[in-house]
């Protein structure tokens, strides 16, 4: 997992290093962009503008599970994609529900491990 935080711009970038073919912003937070693989749902990375709101690990962080969640989640199995420590949450597109899904959230498992270099530098 590659992690970079630009403190001056307050931008966090996390990625697996896998090739991505498309980028989407979250449905209710256009400050979060997720990169997806060729199947269109596997999250291979994401970028968060205004990342300091999450880096305190107080907002969106579950310490018992060590998961940082940004955006919304769903319990519908067909609307959840898993790729290593990344989980993407989806819903049918508002305008083309039978054709497309749109991202509503993203989660990183083992968040304290992946964010450790950034958290230590803060």
N, C-alpha and C. Protein backbone atom coordinates (compact mmCIF):
# COMPACT_ATOMS: atom_id res chain seq x y z
N UNK A 1 0.86 -1.17 0.00
CA UNK A 1 0.00 0.00 0.00
C UNK A 1 0.91 1.23 0.00
N UNK A 2 0.63 2.12 -0.91
CA UNK A 2 1.38 3.38 -0.99
C UNK A 2 0.53 4.48 -0.37
N UNK A 3 1.14 5.24 0.52
CA UNK A 3 0.43 6.30 1.22
C UNK A 3 1.26 7.57 1.13
N UNK A 4 0.60 8.67 0.76
CA UNK A 4 1.28 9.96 0.71
C UNK A 4 0.33 11.02 1.25
N UNK A 5 0.88 11.90 2.10
CA UNK A 5 0.09 13.01 2.62
C UNK A 5 0.85 14.29 2.37
N UNK A 6 0.22 15.24 1.70
CA UNK A 6 0.78 16.56 1.48
C UNK A 6 0.15 17.47 2.51
N UNK A 7 0.93 17.78 3.55
CA UNK A 7 0.40 18.57 4.66
C UNK A 7 -0.01 19.98 4.23
N UNK A 8 0.78 20.57 3.36
CA UNK A 8 0.47 21.94 2.92
C UNK A 8 -0.86 21.99 2.16
N UNK A 9 -1.09 21.02 1.29
CA UNK A 9 -2.33 20.98 0.51
C UNK A 9 -3.44 20.24 1.26
N UNK A 10 -3.07 19.54 2.34
CA UNK A 10 -3.99 18.72 3.14
C UNK A 10 -4.69 17.66 2.27
N UNK A 11 -3.85 16.96 1.49
CA UNK A 11 -4.35 15.93 0.58
C UNK A 11 -3.68 14.59 0.93
N UNK A 12 -4.51 13.58 1.08
CA UNK A 12 -4.06 12.22 1.35
C UNK A 12 -4.32 11.36 0.12
N UNK A 13 -3.31 10.59 -0.28
CA UNK A 13 -3.44 9.67 -1.40
C UNK A 13 -3.02 8.29 -0.91
N UNK A 14 -3.89 7.31 -1.08
CA UNK A 14 -3.60 5.93 -0.71
C UNK A 14 -3.90 5.06 -1.91
N UNK A 15 -2.98 4.15 -2.22
CA UNK A 15 -3.22 3.27 -3.37
C UNK A 15 -2.48 1.95 -3.24
N UNK A 16 -2.97 0.99 -3.97
CA UNK A 16 -2.35 -0.33 -3.96
C UNK A 16 -1.21 -0.42 -4.96
N UNK A 17 -1.12 0.51 -5.87
CA UNK A 17 -0.14 0.43 -6.94
C UNK A 17 -0.70 -0.28 -8.17
N UNK A 18 -1.91 -0.84 -8.05
CA UNK A 18 -2.56 -1.49 -9.18
C UNK A 18 -3.01 -0.44 -10.18
N UNK A 19 -3.08 -0.84 -11.43
CA UNK A 19 -3.54 0.04 -12.50
C UNK A 19 -5.02 0.39 -12.28
N UNK A 20 -5.36 1.65 -12.46
CA UNK A 20 -6.77 2.03 -12.37
C UNK A 20 -7.24 2.51 -13.74
N UNK A 21 -8.51 2.34 -14.00
CA UNK A 21 -9.04 2.74 -15.30
C UNK A 21 -10.08 3.86 -15.21
N UNK A 22 -10.55 4.12 -14.01
CA UNK A 22 -11.55 5.18 -13.86
C UNK A 22 -11.47 5.77 -12.47
N UNK A 23 -11.92 6.99 -12.34
CA UNK A 23 -11.95 7.70 -11.07
C UNK A 23 -13.33 8.29 -10.88
N UNK A 24 -13.86 8.13 -9.67
CA UNK A 24 -15.18 8.66 -9.33
C UNK A 24 -15.07 9.46 -8.04
N UNK A 25 -15.91 10.46 -7.89
CA UNK A 25 -16.03 11.12 -6.59
C UNK A 25 -17.18 10.46 -5.84
N UNK A 26 -17.09 10.51 -4.52
CA UNK A 26 -18.16 9.93 -3.72
C UNK A 26 -19.45 10.72 -3.93
N UNK A 27 -20.54 10.03 -3.85
CA UNK A 27 -21.88 10.61 -4.08
C UNK A 27 -22.13 11.86 -3.24
N UNK A 28 -21.80 11.81 -1.96
CA UNK A 28 -22.10 12.94 -1.07
C UNK A 28 -20.86 13.66 -0.57
N UNK A 29 -19.71 13.42 -1.20
CA UNK A 29 -18.49 14.12 -0.78
C UNK A 29 -17.55 14.22 -1.97
N UNK A 30 -17.64 15.33 -2.70
CA UNK A 30 -16.80 15.47 -3.89
C UNK A 30 -15.36 15.83 -3.56
N UNK A 31 -14.99 15.79 -2.27
CA UNK A 31 -13.60 15.96 -1.86
C UNK A 31 -12.88 14.63 -1.76
N UNK A 32 -13.58 13.55 -2.11
CA UNK A 32 -13.01 12.21 -2.07
C UNK A 32 -13.17 11.59 -3.45
N UNK A 33 -12.04 11.20 -4.04
CA UNK A 33 -12.06 10.54 -5.34
C UNK A 33 -11.49 9.14 -5.18
N UNK A 34 -12.18 8.16 -5.76
CA UNK A 34 -11.68 6.79 -5.69
C UNK A 34 -11.31 6.31 -7.08
N UNK A 35 -10.23 5.55 -7.15
CA UNK A 35 -9.77 4.93 -8.39
C UNK A 35 -10.21 3.48 -8.38
N UNK A 36 -10.72 3.02 -9.51
CA UNK A 36 -11.21 1.65 -9.60
C UNK A 36 -10.49 0.90 -10.73
N UNK A 37 -10.46 -0.43 -10.57
CA UNK A 37 -9.82 -1.29 -11.56
C UNK A 37 -10.73 -1.48 -12.77
N UNK A 38 -10.29 -2.32 -13.67
CA UNK A 38 -11.01 -2.51 -14.93
C UNK A 38 -12.41 -3.10 -14.76
N UNK A 39 -12.68 -3.79 -13.64
CA UNK A 39 -14.04 -4.31 -13.46
C UNK A 39 -15.00 -3.23 -13.01
N UNK A 40 -14.48 -2.04 -12.69
CA UNK A 40 -15.33 -0.90 -12.37
C UNK A 40 -15.77 -0.78 -10.93
N UNK A 41 -15.43 -1.77 -10.09
CA UNK A 41 -15.84 -1.69 -8.69
C UNK A 41 -14.72 -1.92 -7.69
N UNK A 42 -13.65 -2.59 -8.08
CA UNK A 42 -12.57 -2.81 -7.13
C UNK A 42 -11.79 -1.52 -6.91
N UNK A 43 -11.80 -1.04 -5.68
CA UNK A 43 -11.08 0.18 -5.35
C UNK A 43 -9.59 -0.13 -5.27
N UNK A 44 -8.79 0.61 -6.03
CA UNK A 44 -7.34 0.41 -6.00
C UNK A 44 -6.62 1.62 -5.41
N UNK A 45 -7.38 2.67 -5.08
CA UNK A 45 -6.80 3.84 -4.46
C UNK A 45 -7.83 4.93 -4.27
N UNK A 46 -7.46 5.90 -3.45
CA UNK A 46 -8.33 7.06 -3.31
C UNK A 46 -7.56 8.26 -2.85
N UNK A 47 -8.14 9.42 -3.07
CA UNK A 47 -7.57 10.72 -2.73
C UNK A 47 -8.59 11.46 -1.89
N UNK A 48 -8.11 12.10 -0.81
CA UNK A 48 -8.99 12.87 0.06
C UNK A 48 -8.44 14.29 0.17
N UNK A 49 -9.21 15.26 -0.29
CA UNK A 49 -8.85 16.66 -0.09
C UNK A 49 -9.44 17.08 1.25
N UNK A 50 -8.70 17.83 2.03
CA UNK A 50 -9.14 18.16 3.38
C UNK A 50 -9.00 16.96 4.29
N UNK A 51 -7.93 16.22 4.11
CA UNK A 51 -7.74 14.93 4.80
C UNK A 51 -7.54 15.05 6.29
N UNK A 52 -7.14 16.20 6.79
CA UNK A 52 -6.88 16.32 8.23
C UNK A 52 -8.12 16.01 9.05
N UNK A 53 -9.30 16.16 8.46
CA UNK A 53 -10.53 15.86 9.19
C UNK A 53 -10.63 14.37 9.52
N UNK A 54 -9.91 13.52 8.78
CA UNK A 54 -9.92 12.09 9.03
C UNK A 54 -8.65 11.60 9.72
N UNK A 55 -7.56 12.34 9.58
CA UNK A 55 -6.28 11.87 10.09
C UNK A 55 -6.15 11.93 11.61
N UNK A 56 -7.09 12.54 12.27
CA UNK A 56 -7.08 12.50 13.73
C UNK A 56 -7.54 11.12 14.21
N UNK A 57 -8.08 10.33 13.29
CA UNK A 57 -8.67 9.01 13.57
C UNK A 57 -9.77 9.11 14.62
N UNK A 58 -10.48 10.23 14.57
CA UNK A 58 -11.66 10.41 15.43
C UNK A 58 -12.93 10.40 14.58
N UNK A 59 -12.82 10.83 13.38
CA UNK A 59 -13.97 10.86 12.47
C UNK A 59 -13.87 9.68 11.50
N UNK A 60 -14.87 8.82 11.52
CA UNK A 60 -14.91 7.69 10.59
C UNK A 60 -14.04 6.51 10.96
N UNK A 61 -13.40 6.56 12.12
CA UNK A 61 -12.47 5.49 12.49
C UNK A 61 -13.08 4.60 13.57
N UNK A 62 -13.01 3.31 13.37
CA UNK A 62 -13.46 2.31 14.34
C UNK A 62 -12.22 1.63 14.90
N UNK A 63 -11.79 2.01 16.11
CA UNK A 63 -10.55 1.45 16.66
C UNK A 63 -10.63 -0.05 16.96
N UNK A 64 -11.80 -0.55 17.27
CA UNK A 64 -11.92 -1.99 17.55
C UNK A 64 -11.65 -2.82 16.31
N UNK A 65 -12.08 -2.33 15.17
CA UNK A 65 -11.87 -3.05 13.91
C UNK A 65 -10.68 -2.51 13.13
N UNK A 66 -10.12 -1.37 13.57
CA UNK A 66 -9.03 -0.68 12.89
C UNK A 66 -9.39 -0.38 11.44
N UNK A 67 -10.57 0.23 11.28
CA UNK A 67 -11.09 0.56 9.95
C UNK A 67 -11.42 2.05 9.89
N UNK A 68 -10.92 2.71 8.87
CA UNK A 68 -11.27 4.10 8.59
C UNK A 68 -12.26 4.10 7.45
N UNK A 69 -13.45 4.64 7.69
CA UNK A 69 -14.50 4.69 6.69
C UNK A 69 -14.79 6.14 6.34
N UNK A 70 -14.82 6.42 5.05
CA UNK A 70 -15.11 7.75 4.56
C UNK A 70 -16.36 7.64 3.68
N UNK A 71 -17.37 8.41 4.00
CA UNK A 71 -18.61 8.35 3.25
C UNK A 71 -19.60 7.40 3.90
N UNK A 72 -20.50 6.90 3.08
CA UNK A 72 -21.58 6.03 3.56
C UNK A 72 -21.22 4.56 3.34
N UNK A 73 -21.93 3.69 4.04
CA UNK A 73 -21.77 2.25 3.86
C UNK A 73 -23.12 1.63 3.52
N UNK A 74 -23.09 0.35 3.20
CA UNK A 74 -24.31 -0.40 2.94
C UNK A 74 -24.09 -1.83 3.39
N UNK A 75 -25.15 -2.51 3.75
CA UNK A 75 -25.07 -3.91 4.12
C UNK A 75 -25.45 -4.83 2.97
N UNK A 76 -25.83 -4.27 1.85
CA UNK A 76 -26.23 -5.09 0.69
C UNK A 76 -24.98 -5.70 0.06
N UNK A 77 -24.81 -7.01 0.15
CA UNK A 77 -23.59 -7.66 -0.35
C UNK A 77 -23.24 -7.31 -1.80
N UNK A 78 -24.24 -7.18 -2.66
CA UNK A 78 -23.99 -6.87 -4.06
C UNK A 78 -23.45 -5.45 -4.26
N UNK A 79 -23.56 -4.62 -3.23
CA UNK A 79 -23.13 -3.22 -3.32
C UNK A 79 -21.83 -2.97 -2.56
N UNK A 80 -21.13 -4.04 -2.21
CA UNK A 80 -19.86 -3.94 -1.48
C UNK A 80 -18.79 -4.64 -2.30
N UNK A 81 -17.68 -3.96 -2.55
CA UNK A 81 -16.55 -4.58 -3.25
C UNK A 81 -15.34 -4.57 -2.32
N UNK A 82 -14.59 -5.66 -2.34
CA UNK A 82 -13.41 -5.79 -1.48
C UNK A 82 -12.20 -6.05 -2.34
N UNK A 83 -11.13 -5.32 -2.04
CA UNK A 83 -9.86 -5.48 -2.74
C UNK A 83 -8.76 -5.31 -1.72
N UNK A 84 -8.31 -6.41 -1.14
CA UNK A 84 -7.31 -6.33 -0.08
C UNK A 84 -7.88 -5.57 1.11
N UNK A 85 -7.18 -4.52 1.53
CA UNK A 85 -7.64 -3.72 2.67
C UNK A 85 -8.60 -2.60 2.27
N UNK A 86 -8.93 -2.50 1.00
CA UNK A 86 -9.91 -1.51 0.55
C UNK A 86 -11.29 -2.14 0.42
N UNK A 87 -12.29 -1.40 0.83
CA UNK A 87 -13.68 -1.80 0.63
C UNK A 87 -14.40 -0.62 -0.01
N UNK A 88 -15.11 -0.89 -1.07
CA UNK A 88 -15.91 0.14 -1.73
C UNK A 88 -17.38 -0.11 -1.46
N UNK A 89 -18.12 0.95 -1.26
CA UNK A 89 -19.57 0.87 -1.05
C UNK A 89 -20.25 1.60 -2.19
N UNK A 90 -21.26 0.96 -2.76
CA UNK A 90 -21.88 1.44 -3.99
C UNK A 90 -23.40 1.49 -3.86
N UNK A 91 -24.02 2.17 -4.81
CA UNK A 91 -25.48 2.15 -4.94
C UNK A 91 -25.79 2.33 -6.42
N UNK A 92 -26.98 1.90 -6.83
CA UNK A 92 -27.34 2.09 -8.24
C UNK A 92 -27.34 3.58 -8.59
N UNK A 93 -26.86 3.86 -9.78
CA UNK A 93 -26.83 5.23 -10.27
C UNK A 93 -28.25 5.78 -10.34
N UNK A 94 -28.41 7.00 -9.92
CA UNK A 94 -29.72 7.64 -9.86
C UNK A 94 -30.40 7.73 -11.23
N UNK A 95 -29.62 7.95 -12.28
CA UNK A 95 -30.20 8.15 -13.61
C UNK A 95 -30.22 6.88 -14.46
N UNK A 96 -29.33 5.95 -14.16
CA UNK A 96 -29.24 4.70 -14.93
C UNK A 96 -29.07 3.53 -13.95
N UNK A 97 -30.06 3.28 -13.11
CA UNK A 97 -29.92 2.28 -12.05
C UNK A 97 -29.67 0.86 -12.54
N UNK A 98 -30.08 0.53 -13.75
CA UNK A 98 -29.86 -0.82 -14.27
C UNK A 98 -28.52 -0.98 -14.96
N UNK A 99 -27.81 0.13 -15.16
CA UNK A 99 -26.57 0.09 -15.91
C UNK A 99 -25.32 0.42 -15.12
N UNK A 100 -25.43 1.34 -14.16
CA UNK A 100 -24.24 1.84 -13.50
C UNK A 100 -24.41 1.86 -11.98
N UNK A 101 -23.27 1.77 -11.30
CA UNK A 101 -23.23 1.97 -9.86
C UNK A 101 -22.42 3.22 -9.57
N UNK A 102 -22.74 3.88 -8.48
CA UNK A 102 -21.95 5.04 -8.08
C UNK A 102 -21.43 4.81 -6.67
N UNK A 103 -20.21 5.28 -6.39
CA UNK A 103 -19.62 5.05 -5.07
C UNK A 103 -20.24 5.97 -4.02
N UNK A 104 -20.51 5.38 -2.86
CA UNK A 104 -21.03 6.18 -1.75
C UNK A 104 -20.06 6.21 -0.57
N UNK A 105 -19.07 5.31 -0.58
CA UNK A 105 -18.11 5.28 0.51
C UNK A 105 -16.93 4.38 0.21
N UNK A 106 -15.91 4.53 1.02
CA UNK A 106 -14.70 3.71 0.90
C UNK A 106 -14.17 3.48 2.31
N UNK A 107 -13.59 2.32 2.54
CA UNK A 107 -13.01 2.00 3.85
C UNK A 107 -11.62 1.41 3.65
N UNK A 108 -10.78 1.64 4.65
CA UNK A 108 -9.43 1.06 4.67
C UNK A 108 -9.31 0.24 5.94
N UNK A 109 -9.09 -1.05 5.78
CA UNK A 109 -8.83 -1.93 6.92
C UNK A 109 -7.36 -1.81 7.28
N UNK A 110 -7.04 -2.11 8.53
CA UNK A 110 -5.68 -1.94 9.06
C UNK A 110 -5.22 -0.49 8.89
N UNK A 111 -6.14 0.42 9.14
CA UNK A 111 -5.87 1.84 8.92
C UNK A 111 -4.68 2.35 9.72
N UNK A 112 -4.57 1.94 10.97
CA UNK A 112 -3.45 2.44 11.78
C UNK A 112 -2.11 1.99 11.20
N UNK A 113 -2.06 0.82 10.63
CA UNK A 113 -0.83 0.32 10.00
C UNK A 113 -0.52 1.12 8.75
N UNK A 114 -1.49 1.30 7.88
CA UNK A 114 -1.25 1.99 6.62
C UNK A 114 -0.98 3.49 6.82
N UNK A 115 -1.61 4.07 7.83
CA UNK A 115 -1.42 5.50 8.07
C UNK A 115 -0.32 5.81 9.08
N UNK A 116 0.32 4.79 9.61
CA UNK A 116 1.33 4.98 10.67
C UNK A 116 2.41 6.01 10.30
N UNK A 117 3.01 5.96 9.11
CA UNK A 117 4.05 6.96 8.80
C UNK A 117 3.52 8.40 8.83
N UNK A 118 2.30 8.58 8.39
CA UNK A 118 1.71 9.92 8.37
C UNK A 118 1.37 10.36 9.77
N UNK A 119 0.76 9.48 10.54
CA UNK A 119 0.36 9.81 11.90
C UNK A 119 1.57 10.10 12.78
N UNK A 120 2.67 9.39 12.57
CA UNK A 120 3.88 9.61 13.34
C UNK A 120 4.52 10.96 13.02
N UNK A 121 4.36 11.41 11.78
CA UNK A 121 4.96 12.68 11.35
C UNK A 121 4.16 13.88 11.78
N UNK A 122 2.94 13.67 12.25
CA UNK A 122 2.06 14.79 12.60
C UNK A 122 2.32 15.27 13.99
